[in-house]
Protein backbone atom coordinates (compact mmCIF):
# COMPACT_ATOMS: atom_id res chain seq x y z
CA MET A 1 20.76 -27.66 40.27
CA TYR A 2 22.92 -26.29 43.06
CA GLU A 3 22.22 -27.57 46.65
CA CYS A 4 22.77 -25.78 49.68
CA PRO A 5 25.79 -27.05 51.75
CA ASN A 6 23.94 -26.15 54.90
CA CYS A 7 20.29 -27.03 54.19
CA GLY A 8 20.06 -28.77 50.73
CA ALA A 9 17.91 -26.28 49.30
CA ASN A 10 18.33 -24.79 45.67
CA LEU A 11 20.98 -22.36 44.97
CA LYS A 12 20.28 -19.35 42.83
CA PHE A 13 22.51 -16.25 41.35
CA HIS A 14 21.94 -13.50 43.57
CA ILE A 15 22.66 -9.99 41.76
CA PRO A 16 22.82 -7.70 44.11
CA SER A 17 25.80 -9.66 46.33
CA GLN A 18 26.96 -11.45 43.29
CA LYS A 19 26.90 -14.82 45.43
CA LEU A 20 24.94 -18.29 44.88
CA ARG A 21 21.97 -17.74 47.49
CA CYS A 22 20.11 -20.07 49.00
CA ALA A 23 16.37 -19.42 48.85
CA HIS A 24 15.72 -21.45 52.04
CA CYS A 25 18.15 -20.11 54.86
CA GLU A 26 19.22 -17.40 52.82
CA SER A 27 23.15 -18.37 52.84
CA GLY A 28 25.55 -16.78 50.24
CA PHE A 29 28.49 -18.77 48.50
CA ASP A 30 31.03 -17.32 46.20
CA PRO A 31 30.07 -19.31 42.55
CA TYR A 32 33.61 -20.53 42.18
CA ALA A 33 33.21 -22.46 45.46
CA ILE A 34 30.27 -24.53 44.23
CA HIS A 35 30.54 -27.58 41.73
CA LYS A 36 28.71 -30.16 40.66
CA GLU A 37 30.33 -33.80 39.01
CA THR A 38 28.83 -32.42 35.55
CA ASP A 39 30.26 -28.84 35.72
CA THR A 40 33.29 -30.31 33.85
CA VAL A 41 33.04 -33.42 31.56
CA ASP A 42 36.22 -33.11 29.58
CA GLY A 43 37.75 -29.55 30.84
CA ASP A 44 36.24 -27.87 27.51
CA SER A 45 32.98 -28.56 27.96
CA PHE A 46 30.24 -29.31 30.59
CA GLU A 47 27.07 -31.25 30.92
CA THR A 48 23.35 -29.27 31.27
CA ASN A 49 19.83 -29.25 29.91
CA VAL A 50 18.70 -28.17 26.74
CA PHE A 51 15.51 -27.31 25.95
CA LEU A 52 14.00 -27.49 22.20
CA CYS A 53 11.12 -25.57 21.35
CA PRO A 54 8.83 -27.45 18.98
CA GLN A 55 7.65 -24.77 17.02
CA CYS A 56 10.59 -22.47 16.04
CA GLY A 57 13.35 -25.12 16.91
CA GLY A 58 14.76 -21.89 19.53
CA GLU A 59 17.56 -23.59 22.07
CA MET A 60 18.24 -22.59 25.45
CA ILE A 61 20.30 -23.72 28.51
CA GLY A 62 18.48 -24.22 31.75
CA GLY A 63 19.53 -25.64 35.40
CA ASP A 64 15.73 -26.13 36.33
CA ASN A 65 12.46 -27.00 34.14
CA ASP A 66 10.84 -23.69 34.81
CA VAL A 67 11.89 -23.04 30.98
CA THR A 68 9.47 -25.68 29.90
CA SER A 69 6.39 -23.38 30.03
CA PHE A 70 6.82 -21.13 27.42
CA CYS A 71 9.69 -20.04 24.92
CA SER A 72 11.15 -16.71 24.87
CA TYR A 73 11.95 -16.57 21.17
CA CYS A 74 8.42 -17.16 19.48
CA GLY A 75 6.13 -16.69 22.51
CA SER A 76 5.24 -20.13 22.39
CA ALA A 77 3.13 -21.63 25.44
CA ASN A 78 4.14 -25.43 24.55
CA ILE A 79 5.49 -27.52 26.71
CA LEU A 80 9.42 -27.75 25.77
CA SER A 81 11.53 -31.00 24.87
CA SER A 82 14.84 -31.40 26.82
CA ARG A 83 17.94 -33.77 26.98
CA ILE A 84 21.01 -33.48 28.31
CA SER A 85 23.91 -32.11 26.25
CA ARG A 86 27.43 -31.16 26.68
CA GLU A 87 28.40 -27.51 25.64
CA LYS A 88 31.43 -26.00 25.27
CA ARG A 89 32.65 -24.09 27.94
CA PRO A 90 32.67 -20.64 27.47
CA GLY A 91 36.07 -18.46 28.61
CA PHE A 92 34.42 -15.78 30.20
CA ILE A 93 31.37 -14.59 31.42
CA ILE A 94 29.43 -10.77 32.45
CA PRO A 95 27.08 -11.76 35.51
CA PHE A 96 23.93 -9.83 35.51
CA LYS A 97 24.52 -6.58 37.16
CA LYS A 98 21.19 -4.85 36.73
CA THR A 99 18.13 -6.92 38.74
CA LYS A 100 14.78 -7.57 37.36
CA GLU A 101 13.31 -4.54 38.75
CA ASP A 102 16.00 -2.34 37.31
CA CYS A 103 15.51 -4.17 34.17
CA LYS A 104 11.54 -3.15 34.52
CA LYS A 105 12.28 0.52 35.43
CA ALA A 106 14.22 1.10 32.56
CA TYR A 107 11.78 -0.19 30.14
CA GLY A 108 8.91 1.49 31.88
CA GLN A 109 11.24 4.75 31.33
CA LYS A 110 11.19 3.97 27.67
CA MET A 111 7.52 3.30 27.16
CA LYS A 112 6.79 6.59 28.97
CA LYS A 113 7.63 7.96 25.57
CA ALA A 114 5.70 5.62 23.58
CA PHE A 115 2.90 6.89 23.36
CA PHE A 116 0.81 4.72 20.32
CA VAL A 117 2.20 1.41 21.62
CA PRO A 118 -0.71 -1.36 22.40
CA LYS A 119 -1.58 -1.10 25.92
CA GLU A 120 -0.12 -4.91 26.36
CA LEU A 121 3.15 -3.50 26.15
CA LYS A 122 2.88 -1.07 29.26
CA ASN A 123 0.61 -3.73 31.56
CA PRO A 124 2.58 -4.57 34.47
CA ASP A 125 1.78 -8.27 34.02
CA PHE A 126 3.03 -8.32 30.42
CA VAL A 127 6.51 -6.47 31.73
CA GLU A 128 6.83 -9.12 34.53
CA GLY A 129 7.61 -11.79 31.60
CA PHE A 130 11.40 -10.66 31.09
CA ARG A 131 13.76 -13.48 31.52
CA GLY A 132 17.26 -13.81 32.35
CA ILE A 133 19.03 -15.06 29.29
CA TYR A 134 23.09 -15.21 29.05
CA MET A 135 23.42 -14.60 25.02
CA PRO A 136 26.84 -16.16 23.41
CA TYR A 137 29.40 -13.71 21.95
CA TRP A 138 32.58 -14.29 19.78
CA SER A 139 35.21 -11.93 21.75
CA TYR A 140 38.09 -11.25 19.24
CA ARG A 141 41.65 -10.43 19.82
CA VAL A 142 43.66 -8.53 17.66
CA SER A 143 47.31 -7.20 17.31
CA GLN A 144 49.13 -5.17 15.27
CA LYS A 145 53.06 -5.44 15.96
CA GLY A 146 56.19 -4.55 13.67
CA ASP A 147 57.40 -1.95 11.47
CA ILE A 148 55.10 -0.01 9.28
CA SER A 149 54.67 1.83 6.35
CA LEU A 150 52.02 4.57 5.36
CA GLU A 151 51.67 7.24 3.09
CA GLY A 152 51.85 10.92 3.54
CA LYS A 153 50.99 14.02 1.36
CA THR A 154 50.82 18.03 2.07
CA VAL A 155 49.66 20.28 -0.35
CA LYS A 156 50.84 24.27 -0.23
CA ARG A 157 50.79 27.25 -2.63
CA LYS A 158 53.51 29.73 -3.37
CA GLY A 159 52.41 32.31 -5.92
CA ASP A 160 51.03 30.73 -9.00
CA TYR A 161 52.51 27.60 -8.09
CA VAL A 162 51.27 24.58 -6.09
CA TYR A 163 53.70 22.38 -4.78
CA THR A 164 52.82 18.77 -3.44
CA ASP A 165 55.17 16.69 -1.20
CA TYR A 166 54.59 13.12 -0.67
CA TYR A 167 56.18 11.06 2.44
CA ALA A 168 57.00 7.54 3.05
CA LEU A 169 56.15 7.42 6.98
CA THR A 170 57.44 4.57 8.86
CA GLY A 171 57.57 3.51 12.14
CA GLU A 172 57.31 0.36 14.86
CA LEU A 173 53.69 -0.38 16.16
CA ASP A 174 52.73 -2.00 19.22
CA ALA A 175 48.85 -2.43 19.54
CA GLU A 176 46.61 -4.94 20.87
CA TYR A 177 42.97 -4.84 21.29
CA GLU A 178 40.57 -7.22 23.02
CA GLY A 179 36.65 -7.02 23.69
CA PHE A 180 35.60 -6.44 20.22
CA SER A 181 32.25 -8.80 20.28
CA CYS A 182 29.77 -10.32 18.12
CA ASP A 183 26.43 -12.40 19.00
CA ALA A 184 27.31 -16.10 18.42
CA SER A 185 23.26 -16.93 18.43
CA SER A 186 21.80 -16.83 14.98
CA ALA A 187 18.09 -16.97 16.96
CA PHE A 188 19.46 -13.23 18.06
CA TYR A 189 18.95 -10.40 15.48
CA ASP A 190 22.29 -8.58 14.82
CA ASN A 191 20.38 -5.41 15.34
CA ILE A 192 19.18 -5.96 18.70
CA SER A 193 22.62 -7.23 19.73
CA GLU A 194 24.40 -4.42 17.85
CA ALA A 195 22.31 -1.98 19.61
CA LEU A 196 22.51 -3.27 23.24
CA GLY A 197 26.02 -2.57 23.22
CA PRO A 198 28.81 -1.96 24.19
CA TYR A 199 29.82 -4.69 26.83
CA TYR A 200 32.80 -3.67 29.25
CA ILE A 201 35.12 -6.43 29.19
CA LYS A 202 36.63 -5.23 32.37
CA GLY A 203 33.64 -6.55 34.16
CA ARG A 204 34.26 -9.99 33.06
CA LYS A 205 34.97 -13.15 35.00
CA GLU A 206 35.90 -16.57 34.27
CA PHE A 207 33.14 -18.95 33.31
CA THR A 208 31.88 -21.31 35.95
CA PRO A 209 28.44 -22.96 35.28
CA ALA A 210 27.11 -21.76 38.61
CA PHE A 211 26.82 -18.18 37.29
CA LEU A 212 23.78 -19.80 35.20
CA SER A 213 22.22 -20.83 38.16
CA GLY A 214 18.43 -18.95 37.92
CA PHE A 215 18.75 -17.75 34.55
CA TYR A 216 18.67 -19.38 31.00
CA ALA A 217 21.68 -19.35 28.19
CA ASP A 218 21.56 -19.43 24.70
CA THR A 219 23.66 -21.89 22.37
CA ALA A 220 26.43 -20.93 19.85
CA ASP A 221 25.72 -21.60 16.44
CA VAL A 222 27.45 -19.12 13.99
CA ASP A 223 30.98 -19.55 12.80
CA PRO A 224 33.27 -17.51 14.73
CA GLU A 225 35.17 -16.97 11.28
CA LEU A 226 31.92 -14.69 10.20
CA TYR A 227 33.11 -11.68 12.13
CA ARG A 228 36.93 -11.76 12.05
CA GLU A 229 37.31 -9.38 8.91
CA ASP A 230 35.00 -6.82 11.04
CA ALA A 231 37.22 -7.16 14.17
CA GLU A 232 40.34 -6.60 11.91
CA LYS A 233 38.78 -3.41 10.62
CA LEU A 234 37.73 -1.99 13.49
CA ALA A 235 41.17 -2.32 15.01
CA ASN A 236 42.89 -0.81 11.75
CA SER A 237 40.25 2.37 12.33
CA ALA A 238 41.22 2.66 15.71
CA THR A 239 45.06 2.58 15.01
CA TYR A 240 44.63 4.82 12.01
CA ASP A 241 42.71 7.44 14.59
CA LYS A 242 45.59 7.45 17.07
CA LEU A 243 48.41 7.61 14.41
CA ALA A 244 46.54 10.29 12.42
CA LYS A 245 46.58 12.58 15.96
CA GLU A 246 50.24 12.09 16.68
CA SER A 247 52.43 15.13 15.78
CA VAL A 248 54.81 13.69 13.40
CA PHE A 249 52.13 11.89 11.44
CA LYS A 250 49.59 14.82 11.17
CA ARG A 251 52.07 17.04 10.16
CA HIS A 252 53.26 15.17 7.11
CA GLY A 253 49.59 14.50 6.25
CA ILE A 254 49.13 10.89 7.10
CA GLU A 255 46.59 9.03 4.48
CA GLN A 256 44.13 6.18 4.97
CA PRO A 257 44.40 3.82 1.75
CA ASP A 258 40.93 2.86 0.27
CA ASP A 259 41.65 -0.81 0.33
CA GLU A 260 40.95 -2.34 3.75
CA LYS A 261 43.53 -5.12 3.07
CA LYS A 262 46.19 -2.96 2.05
CA LEU A 263 45.82 -1.28 5.55
CA SER A 264 45.57 -4.25 7.20
CA ASN A 265 49.22 -5.54 5.54
CA ASN A 266 50.54 -2.16 6.33
CA LEU A 267 49.41 -1.88 9.92
CA LYS A 268 50.49 -5.82 10.45
CA THR A 269 46.98 -6.72 11.87
CA SER A 270 46.16 -9.96 12.75
CA CYS A 271 43.75 -11.62 14.51
CA ASP A 272 45.30 -13.92 17.27
CA GLY A 273 42.38 -15.54 18.65
CA VAL A 274 38.67 -15.47 19.41
CA ASP A 275 37.04 -16.29 23.12
CA ARG A 276 34.01 -17.99 23.71
CA VAL A 277 31.89 -15.67 25.93
CA MET A 278 28.27 -15.01 27.57
CA PHE A 279 27.07 -11.43 27.99
CA PRO A 280 23.52 -10.91 30.14
CA VAL A 281 20.25 -9.91 28.44
CA TRP A 282 16.94 -9.65 30.24
CA PHE A 283 14.63 -10.94 27.32
CA MET A 284 10.63 -10.48 26.66
CA SER A 285 8.95 -11.15 23.68
CA TYR A 286 5.13 -9.72 22.45
CA ARG A 287 3.11 -11.98 20.12
CA ASN A 288 0.60 -10.88 18.23
CA GLY A 289 -0.85 -13.04 15.25
CA ASP A 290 1.80 -14.19 13.11
CA ARG A 291 4.10 -11.84 14.19
CA ILE A 292 6.55 -10.83 17.07
CA ALA A 293 8.18 -8.14 18.81
CA TYR A 294 11.30 -8.32 21.39
CA ALA A 295 12.18 -6.04 24.13
CA ALA A 296 15.72 -6.73 25.39
CA VAL A 297 17.71 -4.84 28.03
CA ASN A 298 21.70 -4.64 28.68
CA GLY A 299 22.19 -6.85 31.71
CA GLN A 300 25.39 -4.76 32.76
CA THR A 301 24.25 -1.48 31.67
CA GLY A 302 20.62 -1.64 31.51
CA LYS A 303 20.29 -0.10 28.12
CA VAL A 304 16.95 -1.00 26.32
CA VAL A 305 15.96 -1.62 23.15
CA ALA A 306 12.55 -2.73 22.40
CA ASP A 307 10.59 -3.05 18.91
CA MET A 308 7.22 -0.65 19.04
CA PRO A 309 4.60 -1.70 16.96
CA ILE A 310 1.59 1.04 16.82
CA ASP A 311 -1.88 0.50 17.95
CA LYS A 312 -3.87 2.08 14.93
CA LYS A 313 -7.18 3.23 17.48
CA LYS A 314 -4.79 5.28 19.59
CA PHE A 315 -2.72 6.94 16.54
CA PHE A 316 -5.71 7.81 14.77
CA ALA A 317 -7.05 9.36 18.02
CA GLY A 318 -3.94 11.32 18.30
CA SER A 319 -4.00 12.06 14.77
CA LEU A 320 -7.82 13.39 14.84
CA LEU A 321 -6.91 15.37 17.91
CA LEU A 322 -3.87 17.21 16.51
CA ALA A 323 -5.55 17.70 13.27
CA ILE A 324 -8.46 19.77 14.86
CA PRO A 325 -6.72 22.83 16.17
CA VAL A 326 -4.29 22.54 12.97
CA PHE A 327 -7.56 22.99 10.94
CA ILE A 328 -8.89 25.55 12.65
CA LEU A 329 -5.40 27.79 12.70
CA LEU A 330 -4.85 27.40 8.80
CA ASN A 331 -8.81 28.10 8.17
CA LEU A 332 -7.76 31.35 9.85
CA PHE A 333 -5.06 32.74 8.35
CA LEU A 334 -4.82 30.68 4.87
CA THR A 335 -7.31 30.36 2.01
CA LEU A 336 -6.97 28.34 -0.82
CA ARG A 337 -8.47 28.48 -3.91
CA PRO A 338 -10.53 25.26 -5.26
CA ALA A 339 -8.21 24.20 -7.66
CA VAL A 340 -4.87 24.80 -5.44
CA LEU A 341 -6.31 22.61 -2.44
CA MET A 342 -6.82 19.57 -4.96
CA GLY A 343 -3.33 20.18 -6.05
CA VAL A 344 -1.99 20.33 -2.70
CA SER A 345 -4.04 17.20 -1.96
CA ALA A 346 -2.70 15.48 -4.83
CA VAL A 347 1.15 16.32 -3.47
CA LEU A 348 0.12 14.93 -0.43
CA ALA A 349 -0.70 11.65 -2.14
CA ILE A 350 2.29 11.66 -3.99
CA LEU A 351 4.35 11.92 -0.42
CA SER A 352 2.24 9.17 1.22
CA ALA A 353 2.49 6.53 -2.11
CA PHE A 354 6.41 7.55 -1.87
CA VAL A 355 6.52 6.60 1.78
CA TYR A 356 4.67 3.54 1.32
CA TYR A 357 6.89 2.40 -1.65
CA ARG A 358 9.92 2.99 1.03
CA GLU A 359 8.29 0.88 3.58
CA LEU A 360 7.56 -1.98 1.07
CA SER A 361 11.25 -1.83 0.19
CA ALA A 362 12.21 -1.98 3.99
CA ILE A 363 9.84 -4.79 4.45
CA PHE A 364 11.37 -6.92 1.46
CA ASN A 365 14.79 -6.15 3.10
CA ARG A 366 13.88 -6.92 6.45
CA GLU A 367 12.06 -10.53 5.51
CA ALA A 368 14.86 -11.29 3.55
CA ASN A 369 17.25 -10.94 6.50
CA GLU A 370 19.76 -8.35 4.57
CA GLY A 371 22.26 -7.36 6.92
CA ASP A 372 21.94 -10.18 9.57
CA ARG A 373 24.85 -12.40 8.65
CA GLY A 374 24.14 -14.54 11.83
CA LEU A 375 20.87 -15.49 10.53
CA GLN A 376 21.80 -15.87 6.87
CA MET A 377 24.88 -18.35 7.56
CA GLY A 378 21.68 -20.60 8.87
CA GLY A 379 23.23 -22.03 12.10
CA GLY A 380 26.83 -22.64 12.32
CA GLY A 381 27.85 -23.54 8.72
CA LEU A 382 29.90 -20.84 7.55
CA GLN A 383 29.24 -20.21 3.91
CA LYS A 384 30.87 -17.97 1.12
CA GLN A 385 28.78 -15.28 -0.06
CA LYS A 386 28.23 -14.23 -3.65
CA LYS A 387 29.32 -10.95 -4.46
CA VAL A 388 26.68 -9.31 -6.97
CA LYS A 389 27.63 -6.30 -8.75
CA ARG A 390 25.54 -3.64 -7.58
CA GLN A 391 23.04 -2.34 -9.95
CA PRO A 392 21.00 0.93 -10.25
CA THR A 393 17.87 -0.03 -7.91
CA ALA A 394 14.39 0.95 -8.64
CA ILE A 395 14.38 2.67 -5.52
CA SER A 396 17.07 4.82 -6.37
CA VAL A 397 16.04 5.66 -9.65
CA VAL A 398 12.18 6.63 -8.18
CA GLY A 399 14.00 8.67 -5.22
CA ILE A 400 15.76 10.97 -7.52
CA VAL A 401 12.87 11.46 -9.89
CA THR A 402 10.54 11.83 -7.54
CA THR A 403 12.31 14.10 -5.23
CA VAL A 404 12.96 16.21 -8.36
CA GLN A 405 9.25 16.22 -9.25
CA ILE A 406 7.98 17.12 -5.45
CA LEU A 407 10.54 20.03 -5.68
CA ALA A 408 9.22 21.06 -8.95
CA VAL A 409 5.36 20.32 -8.05
CA GLY A 410 6.26 22.85 -4.90
CA VAL A 411 7.23 25.69 -7.10
CA PHE A 412 4.37 25.45 -9.48
CA ILE A 413 2.13 25.57 -6.56
CA LEU A 414 3.31 28.83 -5.67
CA VAL A 415 3.45 30.14 -9.36
CA GLY A 416 -0.28 28.94 -9.51
CA THR A 417 -1.01 30.41 -6.31
CA ARG A 418 0.70 33.77 -7.21
CA ALA A 419 0.05 34.17 -10.96
CA GLY A 420 -2.54 31.42 -12.12
CA ILE A 421 -0.42 29.92 -14.11
CA GLY A 422 1.64 26.62 -14.81
CA THR A 423 -1.44 24.50 -14.01
CA PHE A 424 -0.88 21.84 -16.76
CA PHE A 425 2.56 21.75 -16.19
CA LEU A 426 1.89 21.02 -12.68
CA TRP A 427 -0.67 18.08 -13.07
CA ILE A 428 2.11 16.76 -15.69
CA ALA A 429 4.63 16.48 -12.93
CA ILE A 430 1.89 14.89 -10.54
CA ILE A 431 0.90 12.38 -13.20
CA ALA A 432 4.49 11.59 -13.93
CA ALA A 433 5.48 11.21 -10.20
CA MET A 434 2.57 8.78 -9.54
CA VAL A 435 3.10 6.81 -12.47
CA TRP A 436 6.66 6.58 -11.65
CA ILE A 437 5.77 5.40 -7.82
CA CYS A 438 2.98 2.97 -9.02
CA VAL A 439 5.53 1.45 -11.76
CA ALA A 440 8.05 0.43 -8.90
CA GLY A 441 5.66 -0.61 -6.29
CA ILE A 442 4.17 -3.27 -8.62
CA ARG A 443 7.51 -4.53 -9.20
CA LYS A 444 8.19 -4.62 -5.43
CA CYS A 445 5.00 -6.22 -4.22
CA LYS A 446 5.58 -9.13 -7.08
CA LYS A 447 8.56 -9.87 -4.76
CA MET A 448 6.71 -10.11 -1.66
CA LYS A 449 4.29 -11.83 -0.06
CA ASP A 450 1.00 -10.45 1.56
CA SER A 451 1.89 -7.19 0.50
CA GLY A 452 -0.95 -4.28 -0.54
CA LEU A 453 -0.99 -2.16 -3.38
CA GLY A 454 -2.77 0.72 -1.50
CA PHE A 455 -1.06 3.52 -3.51
CA LEU A 456 -2.67 2.59 -6.49
CA PHE A 457 -6.10 3.68 -4.66
CA SER A 458 -4.51 6.90 -4.41
CA ALA A 459 -3.03 7.05 -7.84
CA GLY A 460 -6.79 6.62 -9.23
CA ALA A 461 -8.23 9.59 -7.20
CA VAL A 462 -5.09 11.61 -8.92
CA PHE A 463 -5.68 10.84 -12.29
CA ALA A 464 -9.57 11.72 -11.53
CA GLY A 465 -8.27 14.76 -10.05
CA SER A 466 -6.11 15.72 -13.18
CA ILE A 467 -9.34 15.13 -15.55
CA ILE A 468 -11.38 17.49 -13.56
CA GLN A 469 -8.44 19.79 -14.22
CA LEU A 470 -7.87 19.19 -17.60
CA ARG A 471 -11.66 19.84 -18.26
CA HIS A 472 -11.76 22.92 -15.71
CA PRO A 473 -15.32 22.76 -15.27
CA VAL A 474 -17.07 25.73 -13.93
CA SER A 475 -18.48 24.70 -10.58
CA ASP A 476 -16.16 24.52 -7.66
CA LEU A 477 -18.06 21.42 -6.38
CA TRP A 478 -15.67 19.45 -8.66
CA TYR A 479 -12.86 20.53 -7.56
CA TYR A 480 -13.72 19.99 -3.78
CA GLY A 481 -15.03 16.62 -4.44
CA ALA A 482 -11.84 15.41 -6.14
CA ALA A 483 -9.71 17.06 -3.10
CA LEU A 484 -12.34 15.22 -0.86
CA LEU A 485 -11.59 11.79 -2.89
CA ILE A 486 -7.94 12.13 -2.97
CA LEU A 487 -7.75 13.23 0.66
CA LEU A 488 -9.91 9.96 2.11
CA THR A 489 -7.30 7.71 -0.32
CA VAL A 490 -4.34 9.45 1.73
CA VAL A 491 -6.14 8.27 5.18
CA PHE A 492 -6.63 5.14 3.93
CA LEU A 493 -3.08 4.73 2.81
CA LEU A 494 -1.96 6.21 6.25
CA LYS A 495 -4.00 3.11 7.45
CA ASP A 496 -1.60 0.73 5.49
CA LEU A 497 1.44 2.73 6.38
CA ILE A 498 0.53 1.80 10.19
CA GLY A 499 0.05 -1.92 9.03
CA ASN A 500 3.44 -1.92 7.32
CA TYR A 501 5.18 0.05 10.11
CA ASN A 502 3.97 -2.56 12.41
CA ARG A 503 5.20 -5.07 10.21
CA LEU A 504 8.32 -3.37 10.22
CA ALA A 505 8.44 -3.17 13.86
CA MET A 506 7.49 -6.83 14.31
CA ARG A 507 8.86 -9.85 13.08
CA ARG A 508 8.30 -13.30 11.35
CA LEU A 509 7.83 -15.61 13.87
CA PRO A 510 11.25 -17.83 14.00
CA GLN A 511 9.25 -20.80 12.96
CA PHE A 512 8.29 -19.43 9.43
CA ASP A 513 12.13 -19.34 8.82
CA LYS A 514 12.72 -22.88 10.20
CA LYS A 515 14.10 -25.42 7.49
CA GLY A 516 13.47 -29.13 6.79
CA GLY A 517 10.21 -31.39 7.06
CA ASP A 518 9.51 -31.20 11.14
CA ASP A 519 5.88 -31.39 11.00
CA ASN A 520 5.72 -29.25 14.25
CA ALA A 521 7.32 -26.43 12.40
């Protein structure tokens, strides 16, 4: 902690004034004017307290013991263990510009539009749990200097002939890029960090540990090499877009190579270095059972990113209120024969089952951490990712086939409604679509834990309806009964869909992904 030179009380960074402020005498000090002996250990690092969560293994840097009561990553209320550690000194830091009140206001505005979220997420006492955390990032510096050579092509037609001209476009390039940033913490999900951006590096300052006073900071454990190619690719894209607007290059049809390496070579792209930086984030976690949701607010711009689970009771109550006027309107202007009503119910079941399957695929990808390279690297060790030849997936096959079949179903419904024909082909298409979804869904469920097979109930009801349709009983009660059964399975399927959505909107507790033999994990 930093002591006030005037009265000895604790100093904390005051966001509105951008100074260290004494809580007792309210004196203000320039952050660069206040130092501790441990601020600089060897010029490249500084000494600080590192708090470790015994459940999820999350680490946070803090200047006082307030952090010991709660872990922001897993929501655990356990006392965190602490140790003195030497941490790498960042080159730059963007201090907090948005106060906690600004953060709560921005979050409240976003929650106003979220009608079905659990009431806890709007509770003022819960919203008070936002914490200011400096997240570590890697900021890359990329340059493109030297003689460049690109290809151009123009095509023109004269009479019956087409003339194609090819050009070698040369020039001298002098470009520099700075500020492409990626989060350096494996505990900070990539989709959250990317959605929080951009941060504007014009607001950065040279780092001094005094900026951390009153806040916490995460530790960097992702290798900077992981995102180096991304920085070069972004620079290539920006430079090419700029060149394409130049009159000479535009007139001669500049072409961008498909090969990224070739483009880098042509533009003389080089990553000159990477800076360790810290960016401000207001962070909050919401725990429900074995899942957790995060809310984050950009501490510089106020941009809000939040996981939004759905309260099932609110959702079904709202759906019921909406269904009543829709039912009345449909009843006034539309009359369906019993057989057509059963067919429409079957189509709704197919659509619900297909969405259910798509959710299972998204859950599988999320829980396999696909797309989050920082988390896949396992905390700092750069690993070579295997290049797997992409094969046609079940989702692509089912997606194409089912889309075609659903369109066919719609056509047959129209034909059946108007002319009373095509019933046999209609139900063949319905059964075929449901079989495809069931086969693909079962395959996906075998790869997952705690995954339901809710679409099988709808499949059973649809098959029962198809038997009734093919036997063609005289009484309408059979058709109405089958339609009601199918619609009931759709309701239960919707209930499972909401559960799957919440599984996507929330994340597994971090300790479930912790590797090793720690009994506390």
